[in-house]
Amino acid sequence: MSSSSIPQFTKLGATNYPTWAGEMQAWLRAQSVWRIVSGESTIPTLPSPPSEAQLAAHDSWLAKSDKAAGYIYLLVEDDQKIHLNSISDDPQVVSSGPTRKPNREGVASVLCARAL
């Protein structure tokens, strides 16, 4: 069961990463988008021409990716969002950083580094 309302845990700030990371991971799992953030689920490739089912799977993945990126962005303090401006539309990049491979340990290793 998932709810699209924003959870009530404290947003990521300069000093609360350990608590926030656990809460964020649990929230993203409850929303069925954690596998996208962790990199376990990757965008389905589309052959040419794609079938209706392949297009639907592709669109579904993109919608989940958008949700994950939005949730992460909304759960970061306003004064920390400047660190996300260029990467906020890709939850996998947000969680792992543009030069790192995705990791499964925390949803915001790069957010924490940039927020401090």
PDB file of N, CA and C in Angstrom:
ATOM      1  N   MET A   1       0.846  -1.178   0.000  1.00  0.00           N
ATOM      2  CA  MET A   1       0.000   0.000   0.000  1.00  0.00           C
ATOM      3  C   MET A   1       0.887   1.234   0.000  1.00  0.00           C
ATOM      4  N   SER A   2       0.618   2.140  -0.894  1.00  0.00           N
ATOM      5  CA  SER A   2       1.413   3.362  -0.930  1.00  0.00           C
ATOM      6  C   SER A   2       0.500   4.572  -0.939  1.00  0.00           C
ATOM      7  N   SER A   3       1.052   5.653  -0.460  1.00  0.00           N
ATOM      8  CA  SER A   3       0.320   6.908  -0.426  1.00  0.00           C
ATOM      9  C   SER A   3       1.189   7.954  -1.093  1.00  0.00           C
ATOM     10  N   SER A   4       0.585   8.825  -1.861  1.00  0.00           N
ATOM     11  CA  SER A   4       1.384   9.823  -2.562  1.00  0.00           C
ATOM     12  C   SER A   4       1.626  11.077  -1.738  1.00  0.00           C
ATOM     13  N   SER A   5       1.090  11.160  -0.527  1.00  0.00           N
ATOM     14  CA  SER A   5       1.347  12.335   0.296  1.00  0.00           C
ATOM     15  C   SER A   5       2.796  12.317   0.777  1.00  0.00           C
ATOM     16  N   ILE A   6       3.322  13.487   1.043  1.00  0.00           N
ATOM     17  CA  ILE A   6       4.706  13.608   1.483  1.00  0.00           C
ATOM     18  C   ILE A   6       4.797  13.187   2.946  1.00  0.00           C
ATOM     19  N   PRO A   7       5.788  12.371   3.294  1.00  0.00           N
ATOM     20  CA  PRO A   7       5.914  11.900   4.673  1.00  0.00           C
ATOM     21  C   PRO A   7       6.285  13.034   5.625  1.00  0.00           C
ATOM     22  N   GLN A   8       6.145  12.770   6.897  1.00  0.00           N
ATOM     23  CA  GLN A   8       6.353  13.798   7.903  1.00  0.00           C
ATOM     24  C   GLN A   8       7.721  13.756   8.582  1.00  0.00           C
ATOM     25  N   PHE A   9       8.675  12.979   8.059  1.00  0.00           N
ATOM     26  CA  PHE A   9       9.986  12.992   8.698  1.00  0.00           C
ATOM     27  C   PHE A   9      10.757  14.255   8.303  1.00  0.00           C
ATOM     28  N   THR A  10      11.787  14.564   9.063  1.00  0.00           N
ATOM     29  CA  THR A  10      12.565  15.782   8.874  1.00  0.00           C
ATOM     30  C   THR A  10      13.311  15.761   7.544  1.00  0.00           C
ATOM     31  N   LYS A  11      13.278  16.884   6.852  1.00  0.00           N
ATOM     32  CA  LYS A  11      13.985  17.012   5.575  1.00  0.00           C
ATOM     33  C   LYS A  11      15.494  16.961   5.791  1.00  0.00           C
ATOM     34  N   LEU A  12      16.214  16.592   4.735  1.00  0.00           N
ATOM     35  CA  LEU A  12      17.669  16.549   4.794  1.00  0.00           C
ATOM     36  C   LEU A  12      18.221  17.951   4.965  1.00  0.00           C
ATOM     37  N   GLY A  13      19.012  18.115   6.009  1.00  0.00           N
ATOM     38  CA  GLY A  13      19.690  19.372   6.270  1.00  0.00           C
ATOM     39  C   GLY A  13      21.189  19.133   6.324  1.00  0.00           C
ATOM     40  N   ALA A  14      21.895  20.035   6.930  1.00  0.00           N
ATOM     41  CA  ALA A  14      23.354  19.954   6.983  1.00  0.00           C
ATOM     42  C   ALA A  14      23.866  18.913   7.968  1.00  0.00           C
ATOM     43  N   THR A  15      23.020  18.470   8.916  1.00  0.00           N
ATOM     44  CA  THR A  15      23.542  17.606   9.982  1.00  0.00           C
ATOM     45  C   THR A  15      22.749  16.329  10.244  1.00  0.00           C
ATOM     46  N   ASN A  16      21.712  16.038   9.503  1.00  0.00           N
ATOM     47  CA  ASN A  16      20.854  14.902   9.865  1.00  0.00           C
ATOM     48  C   ASN A  16      20.848  13.759   8.854  1.00  0.00           C
ATOM     49  N   TYR A  17      21.909  13.629   8.068  1.00  0.00           N
ATOM     50  CA  TYR A  17      21.917  12.615   7.020  1.00  0.00           C
ATOM     51  C   TYR A  17      21.647  11.192   7.511  1.00  0.00           C
ATOM     52  N   PRO A  18      22.295  10.688   8.555  1.00  0.00           N
ATOM     53  CA  PRO A  18      22.070   9.286   8.934  1.00  0.00           C
ATOM     54  C   PRO A  18      20.600   8.952   9.192  1.00  0.00           C
ATOM     55  N   THR A  19      19.907   9.798   9.898  1.00  0.00           N
ATOM     56  CA  THR A  19      18.489   9.567  10.166  1.00  0.00           C
ATOM     57  C   THR A  19      17.667   9.723   8.899  1.00  0.00           C
ATOM     58  N   TRP A  20      17.915  10.785   8.158  1.00  0.00           N
ATOM     59  CA  TRP A  20      17.165  11.053   6.933  1.00  0.00           C
ATOM     60  C   TRP A  20      17.323   9.933   5.912  1.00  0.00           C
ATOM     61  N   ALA A  21      18.533   9.419   5.741  1.00  0.00           N
ATOM     62  CA  ALA A  21      18.785   8.391   4.727  1.00  0.00           C
ATOM     63  C   ALA A  21      17.947   7.145   4.979  1.00  0.00           C
ATOM     64  N   GLY A  22      17.867   6.713   6.231  1.00  0.00           N
ATOM     65  CA  GLY A  22      17.052   5.545   6.553  1.00  0.00           C
ATOM     66  C   GLY A  22      15.577   5.795   6.319  1.00  0.00           C
ATOM     67  N   GLU A  23      15.113   6.955   6.736  1.00  0.00           N
ATOM     68  CA  GLU A  23      13.710   7.317   6.531  1.00  0.00           C
ATOM     69  C   GLU A  23      13.391   7.438   5.041  1.00  0.00           C
ATOM     70  N   MET A  24      14.302   8.051   4.286  1.00  0.00           N
ATOM     71  CA  MET A  24      14.072   8.246   2.857  1.00  0.00           C
ATOM     72  C   MET A  24      14.035   6.914   2.126  1.00  0.00           C
ATOM     73  N   GLN A  25      14.951   6.029   2.458  1.00  0.00           N
ATOM     74  CA  GLN A  25      14.961   4.717   1.816  1.00  0.00           C
ATOM     75  C   GLN A  25      13.665   3.967   2.113  1.00  0.00           C
ATOM     76  N   ALA A  26      13.222   3.993   3.352  1.00  0.00           N
ATOM     77  CA  ALA A  26      11.966   3.321   3.711  1.00  0.00           C
ATOM     78  C   ALA A  26      10.790   3.929   2.953  1.00  0.00           C
ATOM     79  N   TRP A  27      10.763   5.244   2.860  1.00  0.00           N
ATOM     80  CA  TRP A  27       9.669   5.917   2.144  1.00  0.00           C
ATOM     81  C   TRP A  27       9.670   5.549   0.661  1.00  0.00           C
ATOM     82  N   LEU A  28      10.837   5.570   0.048  1.00  0.00           N
ATOM     83  CA  LEU A  28      10.925   5.233  -1.374  1.00  0.00           C
ATOM     84  C   LEU A  28      10.563   3.776  -1.631  1.00  0.00           C
ATOM     85  N   ARG A  29      10.897   2.888  -0.698  1.00  0.00           N
ATOM     86  CA  ARG A  29      10.470   1.487  -0.818  1.00  0.00           C
ATOM     87  C   ARG A  29       8.948   1.397  -0.738  1.00  0.00           C
ATOM     88  N   ALA A  30       8.356   2.111   0.191  1.00  0.00           N
ATOM     89  CA  ALA A  30       6.894   2.089   0.343  1.00  0.00           C
ATOM     90  C   ALA A  30       6.194   2.638  -0.894  1.00  0.00           C
ATOM     91  N   GLN A  31       6.855   3.515  -1.612  1.00  0.00           N
ATOM     92  CA  GLN A  31       6.295   4.102  -2.827  1.00  0.00           C
ATOM     93  C   GLN A  31       6.640   3.294  -4.080  1.00  0.00           C
ATOM     94  N   SER A  32       7.321   2.184  -3.903  1.00  0.00           N
ATOM     95  CA  SER A  32       7.715   1.284  -5.004  1.00  0.00           C
ATOM     96  C   SER A  32       8.634   1.947  -6.027  1.00  0.00           C
ATOM     97  N   VAL A  33       9.509   2.837  -5.559  1.00  0.00           N
ATOM     98  CA  VAL A  33      10.460   3.479  -6.468  1.00  0.00           C
ATOM     99  C   VAL A  33      11.917   3.284  -6.042  1.00  0.00           C
ATOM    100  N   TRP A  34      12.151   2.595  -4.938  1.00  0.00           N
ATOM    101  CA  TRP A  34      13.513   2.418  -4.439  1.00  0.00           C
ATOM    102  C   TRP A  34      14.419   1.723  -5.451  1.00  0.00           C
ATOM    103  N   ARG A  35      13.911   0.720  -6.156  1.00  0.00           N
ATOM    104  CA  ARG A  35      14.750  -0.023  -7.105  1.00  0.00           C
ATOM    105  C   ARG A  35      15.271   0.877  -8.227  1.00  0.00           C
ATOM    106  N   ILE A  36      14.523   1.891  -8.569  1.00  0.00           N
ATOM    107  CA  ILE A  36      14.992   2.853  -9.571  1.00  0.00           C
ATOM    108  C   ILE A  36      16.112   3.701  -8.979  1.00  0.00           C
ATOM    109  N   VAL A  37      15.923   4.169  -7.761  1.00  0.00           N
ATOM    110  CA  VAL A  37      16.925   5.006  -7.100  1.00  0.00           C
ATOM    111  C   VAL A  37      18.215   4.228  -6.868  1.00  0.00           C
ATOM    112  N   SER A  38      18.096   2.968  -6.457  1.00  0.00           N
ATOM    113  CA  SER A  38      19.285   2.163  -6.162  1.00  0.00           C
ATOM    114  C   SER A  38      20.011   1.703  -7.420  1.00  0.00           C
ATOM    115  N   GLY A  39      19.353   1.790  -8.564  1.00  0.00           N
ATOM    116  CA  GLY A  39      19.955   1.333  -9.808  1.00  0.00           C
ATOM    117  C   GLY A  39      19.634  -0.111 -10.144  1.00  0.00           C
ATOM    118  N   GLU A  40      18.904  -0.782  -9.254  1.00  0.00           N
ATOM    119  CA  GLU A  40      18.529  -2.172  -9.506  1.00  0.00           C
ATOM    120  C   GLU A  40      17.591  -2.289 -10.707  1.00  0.00           C
ATOM    121  N   SER A  41      16.713  -1.320 -10.877  1.00  0.00           N
ATOM    122  CA  SER A  41      15.799  -1.292 -12.017  1.00  0.00           C
ATOM    123  C   SER A  41      16.285  -0.235 -12.999  1.00  0.00           C
ATOM    124  N   THR A  42      16.499  -0.636 -14.226  1.00  0.00           N
ATOM    125  CA  THR A  42      16.957   0.303 -15.246  1.00  0.00           C
ATOM    126  C   THR A  42      15.865   0.508 -16.288  1.00  0.00           C
ATOM    127  N   ILE A  43      15.967   1.604 -16.985  1.00  0.00           N
ATOM    128  CA  ILE A  43      14.947   1.948 -17.974  1.00  0.00           C
ATOM    129  C   ILE A  43      14.896   0.884 -19.075  1.00  0.00           C
ATOM    130  N   PRO A  44      13.712   0.403 -19.388  1.00  0.00           N
ATOM    131  CA  PRO A  44      13.600  -0.595 -20.455  1.00  0.00           C
ATOM    132  C   PRO A  44      14.015   0.001 -21.800  1.00  0.00           C
ATOM    133  N   THR A  45      14.774  -0.768 -22.544  1.00  0.00           N
ATOM    134  CA  THR A  45      15.159  -0.308 -23.878  1.00  0.00           C
ATOM    135  C   THR A  45      13.999  -0.520 -24.840  1.00  0.00           C
ATOM    136  N   LEU A  46      13.908   0.360 -25.778  1.00  0.00           N
ATOM    137  CA  LEU A  46      12.834   0.272 -26.769  1.00  0.00           C
ATOM    138  C   LEU A  46      13.400  -0.146 -28.120  1.00  0.00           C
ATOM    139  N   PRO A  47      12.935  -1.279 -28.628  1.00  0.00           N
ATOM    140  CA  PRO A  47      13.343  -1.657 -29.980  1.00  0.00           C
ATOM    141  C   PRO A  47      12.620  -0.770 -30.989  1.00  0.00           C
ATOM    142  N   SER A  48      13.026  -0.868 -32.218  1.00  0.00           N
ATOM    143  CA  SER A  48      12.351  -0.078 -33.242  1.00  0.00           C
ATOM    144  C   SER A  48      11.701  -1.019 -34.246  1.00  0.00           C
ATOM    145  N   PRO A  49      10.432  -0.997 -34.358  1.00  0.00           N
ATOM    146  CA  PRO A  49       9.442  -0.216 -33.608  1.00  0.00           C
ATOM    147  C   PRO A  49       9.057  -0.940 -32.317  1.00  0.00           C
ATOM    148  N   PRO A  50       8.740  -0.190 -31.265  1.00  0.00           N
ATOM    149  CA  PRO A  50       8.333  -0.815 -30.005  1.00  0.00           C
ATOM    150  C   PRO A  50       6.872  -1.269 -30.049  1.00  0.00           C
ATOM    151  N   SER A  51       6.585  -2.292 -29.253  1.00  0.00           N
ATOM    152  CA  SER A  51       5.198  -2.737 -29.122  1.00  0.00           C
ATOM    153  C   SER A  51       4.485  -1.834 -28.121  1.00  0.00           C
ATOM    154  N   GLU A  52       3.190  -1.938 -28.070  1.00  0.00           N
ATOM    155  CA  GLU A  52       2.411  -1.161 -27.088  1.00  0.00           C
ATOM    156  C   GLU A  52       2.839  -1.523 -25.667  1.00  0.00           C
ATOM    157  N   ALA A  53       3.068  -2.806 -25.407  1.00  0.00           N
ATOM    158  CA  ALA A  53       3.489  -3.247 -24.071  1.00  0.00           C
ATOM    159  C   ALA A  53       4.860  -2.676 -23.718  1.00  0.00           C
ATOM    160  N   GLN A  54       5.768  -2.639 -24.667  1.00  0.00           N
ATOM    161  CA  GLN A  54       7.091  -2.073 -24.418  1.00  0.00           C
ATOM    162  C   GLN A  54       7.013  -0.574 -24.160  1.00  0.00           C
ATOM    163  N   LEU A  55       6.174   0.115 -24.909  1.00  0.00           N
ATOM    164  CA  LEU A  55       5.970   1.547 -24.663  1.00  0.00           C
ATOM    165  C   LEU A  55       5.370   1.789 -23.291  1.00  0.00           C
ATOM    166  N   ALA A  56       4.414   0.953 -22.906  1.00  0.00           N
ATOM    167  CA  ALA A  56       3.779   1.096 -21.593  1.00  0.00           C
ATOM    168  C   ALA A  56       4.789   0.862 -20.474  1.00  0.00           C
ATOM    169  N   ALA A  57       5.636  -0.158 -20.604  1.00  0.00           N
ATOM    170  CA  ALA A  57       6.654  -0.432 -19.588  1.00  0.00           C
ATOM    171  C   ALA A  57       7.654   0.718 -19.500  1.00  0.00           C
ATOM    172  N   HIS A  58       8.031   1.252 -20.631  1.00  0.00           N
ATOM    173  CA  HIS A  58       8.958   2.384 -20.684  1.00  0.00           C
ATOM    174  C   HIS A  58       8.348   3.610 -20.002  1.00  0.00           C
ATOM    175  N   ASP A  59       7.117   3.924 -20.342  1.00  0.00           N
ATOM    176  CA  ASP A  59       6.426   5.069 -19.742  1.00  0.00           C
ATOM    177  C   ASP A  59       6.235   4.887 -18.243  1.00  0.00           C
ATOM    178  N   SER A  60       5.919   3.670 -17.817  1.00  0.00           N
ATOM    179  CA  SER A  60       5.743   3.388 -16.392  1.00  0.00           C
ATOM    180  C   SER A  60       7.049   3.616 -15.634  1.00  0.00           C
ATOM    181  N   TRP A  61       8.155   3.166 -16.200  1.00  0.00           N
ATOM    182  CA  TRP A  61       9.453   3.358 -15.561  1.00  0.00           C
ATOM    183  C   TRP A  61       9.773   4.846 -15.449  1.00  0.00           C
ATOM    184  N   LEU A  62       9.521   5.599 -16.527  1.00  0.00           N
ATOM    185  CA  LEU A  62       9.779   7.044 -16.497  1.00  0.00           C
ATOM    186  C   LEU A  62       8.919   7.741 -15.445  1.00  0.00           C
ATOM    187  N   ALA A  63       7.669   7.326 -15.306  1.00  0.00           N
ATOM    188  CA  ALA A  63       6.786   7.924 -14.300  1.00  0.00           C
ATOM    189  C   ALA A  63       7.313   7.640 -12.895  1.00  0.00           C
ATOM    190  N   LYS A  64       7.779   6.417 -12.648  1.00  0.00           N
ATOM    191  CA  LYS A  64       8.340   6.085 -11.337  1.00  0.00           C
ATOM    192  C   LYS A  64       9.626   6.867 -11.086  1.00  0.00           C
ATOM    193  N   SER A  65      10.434   7.041 -12.109  1.00  0.00           N
ATOM    194  CA  SER A  65      11.659   7.811 -11.974  1.00  0.00           C
ATOM    195  C   SER A  65      11.349   9.266 -11.617  1.00  0.00           C
ATOM    196  N   ASP A  66      10.348   9.830 -12.275  1.00  0.00           N
ATOM    197  CA  ASP A  66       9.922  11.198 -11.960  1.00  0.00           C
ATOM    198  C   ASP A  66       9.446  11.307 -10.517  1.00  0.00           C
ATOM    199  N   LYS A  67       8.668  10.330 -10.064  1.00  0.00           N
ATOM    200  CA  LYS A  67       8.189  10.341  -8.678  1.00  0.00           C
ATOM    201  C   LYS A  67       9.357  10.308  -7.708  1.00  0.00           C
ATOM    202  N   ALA A  68      10.296   9.399  -7.940  1.00  0.00           N
ATOM    203  CA  ALA A  68      11.439   9.272  -7.037  1.00  0.00           C
ATOM    204  C   ALA A  68      12.232  10.570  -6.966  1.00  0.00           C
ATOM    205  N   ALA A  69      12.520  11.161  -8.111  1.00  0.00           N
ATOM    206  CA  ALA A  69      13.272  12.419  -8.130  1.00  0.00           C
ATOM    207  C   ALA A  69      12.513  13.518  -7.398  1.00  0.00           C
ATOM    208  N   GLY A  70      11.217  13.568  -7.603  1.00  0.00           N
ATOM    209  CA  GLY A  70      10.399  14.575  -6.928  1.00  0.00           C
ATOM    210  C   GLY A  70      10.371  14.395  -5.428  1.00  0.00           C
ATOM    211  N   TYR A  71      10.194  13.152  -4.978  1.00  0.00           N
ATOM    212  CA  TYR A  71      10.182  12.887  -3.540  1.00  0.00           C
ATOM    213  C   TYR A  71      11.499  13.294  -2.900  1.00  0.00           C
ATOM    214  N   ILE A  72      12.602  12.910  -3.517  1.00  0.00           N
ATOM    215  CA  ILE A  72      13.907  13.251  -2.950  1.00  0.00           C
ATOM    216  C   ILE A  72      14.066  14.769  -2.871  1.00  0.00           C
ATOM    217  N   TYR A  73      13.749  15.463  -3.936  1.00  0.00           N
ATOM    218  CA  TYR A  73      13.897  16.921  -3.965  1.00  0.00           C
ATOM    219  C   TYR A  73      13.032  17.596  -2.899  1.00  0.00           C
ATOM    220  N   LEU A  74      11.799  17.126  -2.752  1.00  0.00           N
ATOM    221  CA  LEU A  74      10.894  17.735  -1.773  1.00  0.00           C
ATOM    222  C   LEU A  74      11.313  17.485  -0.331  1.00  0.00           C
ATOM    223  N   LEU A  75      12.130  16.471  -0.106  1.00  0.00           N
ATOM    224  CA  LEU A  75      12.531  16.128   1.248  1.00  0.00           C
ATOM    225  C   LEU A  75      13.961  16.577   1.565  1.00  0.00           C
ATOM    226  N   VAL A  76      14.364  17.669   0.939  1.00  0.00           N
ATOM    227  CA  VAL A  76      15.637  18.330   1.206  1.00  0.00           C
ATOM    228  C   VAL A  76      15.312  19.765   1.609  1.00  0.00           C
ATOM    229  N   GLU A  77      15.976  20.241   2.659  1.00  0.00           N
ATOM    230  CA  GLU A  77      15.755  21.614   3.115  1.00  0.00           C
ATOM    231  C   GLU A  77      16.018  22.605   1.980  1.00  0.00           C
ATOM    232  N   ASP A  78      15.270  23.690   1.977  1.00  0.00           N
ATOM    233  CA  ASP A  78      15.387  24.691   0.913  1.00  0.00           C
ATOM    234  C   ASP A  78      16.810  25.215   0.748  1.00  0.00           C
ATOM    235  N   ASP A  79      17.507  25.441   1.858  1.00  0.00           N
ATOM    236  CA  ASP A  79      18.855  25.994   1.752  1.00  0.00           C
ATOM    237  C   ASP A  79      19.872  24.984   1.230  1.00  0.00           C
ATOM    238  N   GLN A  80      19.476  23.725   1.087  1.00  0.00           N
ATOM    239  CA  GLN A  80      20.357  22.689   0.552  1.00  0.00           C
ATOM    240  C   GLN A  80      20.049  22.348  -0.909  1.00  0.00           C
ATOM    241  N   LYS A  81      18.925  22.825  -1.424  1.00  0.00           N
ATOM    242  CA  LYS A  81      18.491  22.454  -2.781  1.00  0.00           C
ATOM    243  C   LYS A  81      19.384  23.004  -3.879  1.00  0.00           C
ATOM    244  N   ILE A  82      20.160  24.032  -3.583  1.00  0.00           N
ATOM    245  CA  ILE A  82      21.067  24.572  -4.590  1.00  0.00           C
ATOM    246  C   ILE A  82      22.036  23.496  -5.076  1.00  0.00           C
ATOM    247  N   HIS A  83      22.328  22.527  -4.220  1.00  0.00           N
ATOM    248  CA  HIS A  83      23.242  21.452  -4.574  1.00  0.00           C
ATOM    249  C   HIS A  83      22.625  20.460  -5.552  1.00  0.00           C
ATOM    250  N   LEU A  84      21.316  20.546  -5.739  1.00  0.00           N
ATOM    251  CA  LEU A  84      20.603  19.589  -6.579  1.00  0.00           C
ATOM    252  C   LEU A  84      20.138  20.161  -7.904  1.00  0.00           C
ATOM    253  N   ASN A  85      20.278  21.434  -8.108  1.00  0.00           N
ATOM    254  CA  ASN A  85      19.663  22.080  -9.269  1.00  0.00           C
ATOM    255  C   ASN A  85      19.979  21.424 -10.603  1.00  0.00           C
ATOM    256  N   SER A  86      21.185  20.973 -10.823  1.00  0.00           N
ATOM    257  CA  SER A  86      21.529  20.412 -12.131  1.00  0.00           C
ATOM    258  C   SER A  86      21.243  18.923 -12.256  1.00  0.00           C
ATOM    259  N   ILE A  87      20.884  18.259 -11.157  1.00  0.00           N
ATOM    260  CA  ILE A  87      20.683  16.814 -11.215  1.00  0.00           C
ATOM    261  C   ILE A  87      19.344  16.365 -10.664  1.00  0.00           C
ATOM    262  N   SER A  88      18.448  17.271 -10.357  1.00  0.00           N
ATOM    263  CA  SER A  88      17.233  16.916  -9.629  1.00  0.00           C
ATOM    264  C   SER A  88      16.229  16.091 -10.408  1.00  0.00           C
ATOM    265  N   ASP A  89      16.390  15.942 -11.713  1.00  0.00           N
ATOM    266  CA  ASP A  89      15.406  15.169 -12.464  1.00  0.00           C
ATOM    267  C   ASP A  89      15.775  13.697 -12.614  1.00  0.00           C
ATOM    268  N   ASP A  90      16.905  13.268 -12.093  1.00  0.00           N
ATOM    269  CA  ASP A  90      17.328  11.880 -12.204  1.00  0.00           C
ATOM    270  C   ASP A  90      17.614  11.317 -10.820  1.00  0.00           C
ATOM    271  N   PRO A  91      16.718  10.490 -10.271  1.00  0.00           N
ATOM    272  CA  PRO A  91      16.901  10.008  -8.909  1.00  0.00           C
ATOM    273  C   PRO A  91      18.142   9.155  -8.731  1.00  0.00           C
ATOM    274  N   GLN A  92      18.560   8.448  -9.767  1.00  0.00           N
ATOM    275  CA  GLN A  92      19.748   7.623  -9.662  1.00  0.00           C
ATOM    276  C   GLN A  92      20.984   8.499  -9.539  1.00  0.00           C
ATOM    277  N   VAL A  93      21.049   9.572 -10.291  1.00  0.00           N
ATOM    278  CA  VAL A  93      22.169  10.505 -10.194  1.00  0.00           C
ATOM    279  C   VAL A  93      22.119  11.237  -8.864  1.00  0.00           C
ATOM    280  N   VAL A  94      20.934  11.632  -8.429  1.00  0.00           N
ATOM    281  CA  VAL A  94      20.796  12.316  -7.147  1.00  0.00           C
ATOM    282  C   VAL A  94      21.316  11.432  -6.026  1.00  0.00           C
ATOM    283  N   SER A  95      21.003  10.154  -6.066  1.00  0.00           N
ATOM    284  CA  SER A  95      21.405   9.272  -4.977  1.00  0.00           C
ATOM    285  C   SER A  95      22.868   8.885  -5.031  1.00  0.00           C
ATOM    286  N   SER A  96      23.470   8.848  -6.222  1.00  0.00           N
ATOM    287  CA  SER A  96      24.828   8.330  -6.317  1.00  0.00           C
ATOM    288  C   SER A  96      25.856   9.348  -6.780  1.00  0.00           C
ATOM    289  N   GLY A  97      25.424  10.456  -7.307  1.00  0.00           N
ATOM    290  CA  GLY A  97      26.338  11.468  -7.802  1.00  0.00           C
ATOM    291  C   GLY A  97      26.651  11.245  -9.262  1.00  0.00           C
ATOM    292  N   PRO A  98      26.877  12.287 -10.000  1.00  0.00           N
ATOM    293  CA  PRO A  98      27.074  12.169 -11.440  1.00  0.00           C
ATOM    294  C   PRO A  98      28.317  11.395 -11.844  1.00  0.00           C
ATOM    295  N   THR A  99      29.330  11.281 -10.980  1.00  0.00           N
ATOM    296  CA  THR A  99      30.543  10.571 -11.363  1.00  0.00           C
ATOM    297  C   THR A  99      30.693   9.231 -10.666  1.00  0.00           C
ATOM    298  N   ARG A 100      29.740   8.847  -9.841  1.00  0.00           N
ATOM    299  CA  ARG A 100      29.806   7.572  -9.143  1.00  0.00           C
ATOM    300  C   ARG A 100      28.799   6.600  -9.709  1.00  0.00           C
ATOM    301  N   LYS A 101      29.099   5.310  -9.523  1.00  0.00           N
ATOM    302  CA  LYS A 101      28.118   4.300  -9.883  1.00  0.00           C
ATOM    303  C   LYS A 101      27.034   4.320  -8.818  1.00  0.00           C
ATOM    304  N   PRO A 102      25.797   3.940  -9.165  1.00  0.00           N
ATOM    305  CA  PRO A 102      24.739   3.892  -8.162  1.00  0.00           C
ATOM    306  C   PRO A 102      25.120   2.959  -7.021  1.00  0.00           C
ATOM    307  N   ASN A 103      24.752   3.329  -5.806  1.00  0.00           N
ATOM    308  CA  ASN A 103      25.007   2.435  -4.686  1.00  0.00           C
ATOM    309  C   ASN A 103      23.705   2.119  -3.988  1.00  0.00           C
ATOM    310  N   ARG A 104      23.721   1.075  -3.198  1.00  0.00           N
ATOM    311  CA  ARG A 104      22.518   0.625  -2.508  1.00  0.00           C
ATOM    312  C   ARG A 104      22.526   1.016  -1.036  1.00  0.00           C
ATOM    313  N   GLU A 105      23.569   1.695  -0.583  1.00  0.00           N
ATOM    314  CA  GLU A 105      23.696   1.963   0.832  1.00  0.00           C
ATOM    315  C   GLU A 105      22.861   3.131   1.316  1.00  0.00           C
ATOM    316  N   GLY A 106      22.692   4.139   0.524  1.00  0.00           N
ATOM    317  CA  GLY A 106      21.938   5.299   0.952  1.00  0.00           C
ATOM    318  C   GLY A 106      21.389   6.040  -0.235  1.00  0.00           C
ATOM    319  N   VAL A 107      20.274   6.680  -0.029  1.00  0.00           N
ATOM    320  CA  VAL A 107      19.638   7.358  -1.147  1.00  0.00           C
ATOM    321  C   VAL A 107      20.242   8.709  -1.441  1.00  0.00           C
ATOM    322  N   ALA A 108      21.136   9.182  -0.591  1.00  0.00           N
ATOM    323  CA  ALA A 108      21.625  10.537  -0.818  1.00  0.00           C
ATOM    324  C   ALA A 108      23.076  10.720  -0.440  1.00  0.00           C
ATOM    325  N   SER A 109      23.930   9.774  -0.801  1.00  0.00           N
ATOM    326  CA  SER A 109      25.335   9.951  -0.451  1.00  0.00           C
ATOM    327  C   SER A 109      25.893  11.235  -1.046  1.00  0.00           C
ATOM    328  N   VAL A 110      25.509  11.546  -2.255  1.00  0.00           N
ATOM    329  CA  VAL A 110      25.989  12.783  -2.855  1.00  0.00           C
ATOM    330  C   VAL A 110      25.268  13.992  -2.293  1.00  0.00           C
ATOM    331  N   LEU A 111      24.015  13.848  -1.925  1.00  0.00           N
ATOM    332  CA  LEU A 111      23.296  14.966  -1.316  1.00  0.00           C
ATOM    333  C   LEU A 111      23.970  15.368  -0.025  1.00  0.00           C
ATOM    334  N   CYS A 112      24.344  14.388   0.761  1.00  0.00           N
ATOM    335  CA  CYS A 112      24.995  14.675   2.031  1.00  0.00           C
ATOM    336  C   CYS A 112      26.313  15.402   1.789  1.00  0.00           C
ATOM    337  N   ALA A 113      27.103  14.914   0.866  1.00  0.00           N
ATOM    338  CA  ALA A 113      28.392  15.543   0.590  1.00  0.00           C
ATOM    339  C   ALA A 113      28.213  16.968   0.095  1.00  0.00           C
ATOM    340  N   ARG A 114      27.221  17.176  -0.759  1.00  0.00           N
ATOM    341  CA  ARG A 114      26.999  18.512  -1.302  1.00  0.00           C
ATOM    342  C   ARG A 114      26.329  19.427  -0.288  1.00  0.00           C
ATOM    343  N   ALA A 115      25.540  18.854   0.622  1.00  0.00           N
ATOM    344  CA  ALA A 115      24.824  19.665   1.599  1.00  0.00           C
ATOM    345  C   ALA A 115      25.756  20.201   2.673  1.00  0.00           C
ATOM    346  N   LEU A 116      26.842  19.517   2.924  1.00  0.00           N
ATOM    347  CA  LEU A 116      27.771  19.946   3.962  1.00  0.00           C
ATOM    348  C   LEU A 116      28.720  20.922   3.388  1.00  0.00           C
TER     349      LEU A 116
END
